[in-house]
Amino acid sequence: MIGGGLVLAAGTGPGFLFPDDNAYTTAALIGIGAMAITTLTSLALARRRS
């Protein structure tokens, strides 16, 4: 997931090897939002075809 990687990269401070905890939380929330949109879109398209 590109968006999550960008959030994690932005959440890594200078001189640190890993992102802070808030960056992981934000990346997870972005992933949840993307999955929700994908699920709703696929359900709407499946109903349309039937």
N, C-alpha and C. Protein backbone atom coordinates (compact mmCIF):
# COMPACT_ATOMS: atom_id res chain seq x y z
N MET A 1 0.85 -1.17 0.00
CA MET A 1 0.00 0.00 0.00
C MET A 1 0.89 1.23 0.00
N ILE A 2 0.80 2.01 -1.03
CA ILE A 2 1.67 3.16 -1.19
C ILE A 2 1.37 4.23 -0.15
N GLY A 3 0.08 4.53 0.10
CA GLY A 3 -0.27 5.57 1.06
C GLY A 3 0.25 5.27 2.44
N GLY A 4 0.16 4.02 2.86
CA GLY A 4 0.68 3.64 4.18
C GLY A 4 2.17 3.81 4.27
N GLY A 5 2.87 3.46 3.22
CA GLY A 5 4.32 3.62 3.20
C GLY A 5 4.74 5.07 3.27
N LEU A 6 4.00 5.92 2.60
CA LEU A 6 4.30 7.35 2.65
C LEU A 6 4.08 7.91 4.05
N VAL A 7 3.00 7.48 4.69
CA VAL A 7 2.72 7.94 6.05
C VAL A 7 3.82 7.47 7.01
N LEU A 8 4.25 6.23 6.85
CA LEU A 8 5.31 5.71 7.71
C LEU A 8 6.63 6.43 7.45
N ALA A 9 6.91 6.73 6.20
CA ALA A 9 8.14 7.46 5.89
C ALA A 9 8.09 8.87 6.47
N ALA A 10 6.93 9.50 6.39
CA ALA A 10 6.79 10.85 6.94
C ALA A 10 6.85 10.83 8.46
N GLY A 11 6.46 9.71 9.08
CA GLY A 11 6.47 9.60 10.52
C GLY A 11 7.80 9.17 11.11
N THR A 12 8.79 9.01 10.26
CA THR A 12 10.13 8.64 10.74
C THR A 12 10.95 9.90 10.87
N GLY A 13 11.31 10.23 12.09
CA GLY A 13 12.07 11.45 12.34
C GLY A 13 13.51 11.32 11.90
N PRO A 14 14.18 12.47 11.78
CA PRO A 14 15.59 12.46 11.38
C PRO A 14 16.44 11.72 12.43
N GLY A 15 17.25 10.82 11.95
CA GLY A 15 18.11 10.07 12.85
C GLY A 15 17.47 8.83 13.46
N PHE A 16 16.20 8.58 13.14
CA PHE A 16 15.52 7.41 13.68
C PHE A 16 15.40 6.35 12.60
N LEU A 17 15.38 5.10 13.02
CA LEU A 17 15.28 4.00 12.07
C LEU A 17 13.83 3.61 11.82
N PHE A 18 12.96 3.78 12.82
CA PHE A 18 11.56 3.37 12.72
C PHE A 18 10.63 4.55 12.95
N PRO A 19 9.42 4.50 12.36
CA PRO A 19 8.43 5.56 12.59
C PRO A 19 7.91 5.54 14.03
N ASP A 20 7.31 6.65 14.44
CA ASP A 20 6.71 6.67 15.77
C ASP A 20 5.35 5.98 15.75
N ASP A 21 4.78 5.78 16.93
CA ASP A 21 3.53 5.03 17.04
C ASP A 21 2.36 5.70 16.32
N ASN A 22 2.33 7.02 16.31
CA ASN A 22 1.24 7.72 15.64
C ASN A 22 1.24 7.46 14.13
N ALA A 23 2.40 7.29 13.56
CA ALA A 23 2.49 7.00 12.12
C ALA A 23 1.88 5.63 11.81
N TYR A 24 2.13 4.65 12.67
CA TYR A 24 1.53 3.32 12.47
C TYR A 24 0.01 3.39 12.59
N THR A 25 -0.47 4.15 13.56
CA THR A 25 -1.92 4.29 13.74
C THR A 25 -2.55 4.96 12.53
N THR A 26 -1.93 6.03 12.06
CA THR A 26 -2.46 6.74 10.89
C THR A 26 -2.45 5.86 9.65
N ALA A 27 -1.38 5.11 9.44
CA ALA A 27 -1.30 4.21 8.29
C ALA A 27 -2.39 3.13 8.36
N ALA A 28 -2.64 2.62 9.56
CA ALA A 28 -3.69 1.61 9.72
C ALA A 28 -5.07 2.20 9.43
N LEU A 29 -5.32 3.41 9.89
CA LEU A 29 -6.62 4.05 9.63
C LEU A 29 -6.82 4.34 8.15
N ILE A 30 -5.77 4.72 7.47
CA ILE A 30 -5.86 4.92 6.02
C ILE A 30 -6.19 3.59 5.33
N GLY A 31 -5.54 2.52 5.78
CA GLY A 31 -5.83 1.20 5.21
C GLY A 31 -7.26 0.76 5.46
N ILE A 32 -7.77 1.02 6.66
CA ILE A 32 -9.15 0.67 6.98
C ILE A 32 -10.11 1.45 6.09
N GLY A 33 -9.83 2.74 5.90
CA GLY A 33 -10.68 3.55 5.02
C GLY A 33 -10.68 3.04 3.59
N ALA A 34 -9.51 2.69 3.10
CA ALA A 34 -9.41 2.17 1.73
C ALA A 34 -10.16 0.85 1.58
N MET A 35 -10.04 -0.01 2.58
CA MET A 35 -10.76 -1.29 2.52
C MET A 35 -12.27 -1.08 2.59
N ALA A 36 -12.71 -0.12 3.39
CA ALA A 36 -14.14 0.16 3.49
C ALA A 36 -14.69 0.67 2.16
N ILE A 37 -13.97 1.57 1.53
CA ILE A 37 -14.40 2.10 0.23
C ILE A 37 -14.44 0.99 -0.81
N THR A 38 -13.44 0.12 -0.80
CA THR A 38 -13.40 -0.99 -1.75
C THR A 38 -14.56 -1.95 -1.53
N THR A 39 -14.84 -2.25 -0.27
CA THR A 39 -15.95 -3.16 0.06
C THR A 39 -17.29 -2.58 -0.38
N LEU A 40 -17.52 -1.32 -0.07
CA LEU A 40 -18.79 -0.68 -0.44
C LEU A 40 -18.94 -0.59 -1.95
N THR A 41 -17.87 -0.30 -2.64
CA THR A 41 -17.92 -0.24 -4.11
C THR A 41 -18.22 -1.60 -4.71
N SER A 42 -17.57 -2.64 -4.20
CA SER A 42 -17.82 -3.97 -4.75
C SER A 42 -19.23 -4.45 -4.46
N LEU A 43 -19.75 -4.13 -3.28
CA LEU A 43 -21.14 -4.50 -2.97
C LEU A 43 -22.12 -3.76 -3.86
N ALA A 44 -21.88 -2.47 -4.11
CA ALA A 44 -22.77 -1.70 -4.97
C ALA A 44 -22.73 -2.24 -6.40
N LEU A 45 -21.55 -2.60 -6.89
CA LEU A 45 -21.45 -3.13 -8.25
C LEU A 45 -22.08 -4.52 -8.35
N ALA A 46 -21.96 -5.32 -7.31
CA ALA A 46 -22.56 -6.66 -7.33
C ALA A 46 -24.08 -6.56 -7.35
N ARG A 47 -24.65 -5.64 -6.61
CA ARG A 47 -26.10 -5.46 -6.62
C ARG A 47 -26.59 -4.95 -7.96
N ARG A 48 -25.79 -4.13 -8.58
CA ARG A 48 -26.15 -3.56 -9.88
C ARG A 48 -26.20 -4.62 -10.97
N ARG A 49 -25.31 -5.61 -10.88
CA ARG A 49 -25.25 -6.67 -11.88
C ARG A 49 -26.39 -7.67 -11.73
N SER A 50 -26.84 -7.86 -10.51
CA SER A 50 -27.87 -8.88 -10.25
C SER A 50 -29.24 -8.43 -10.70
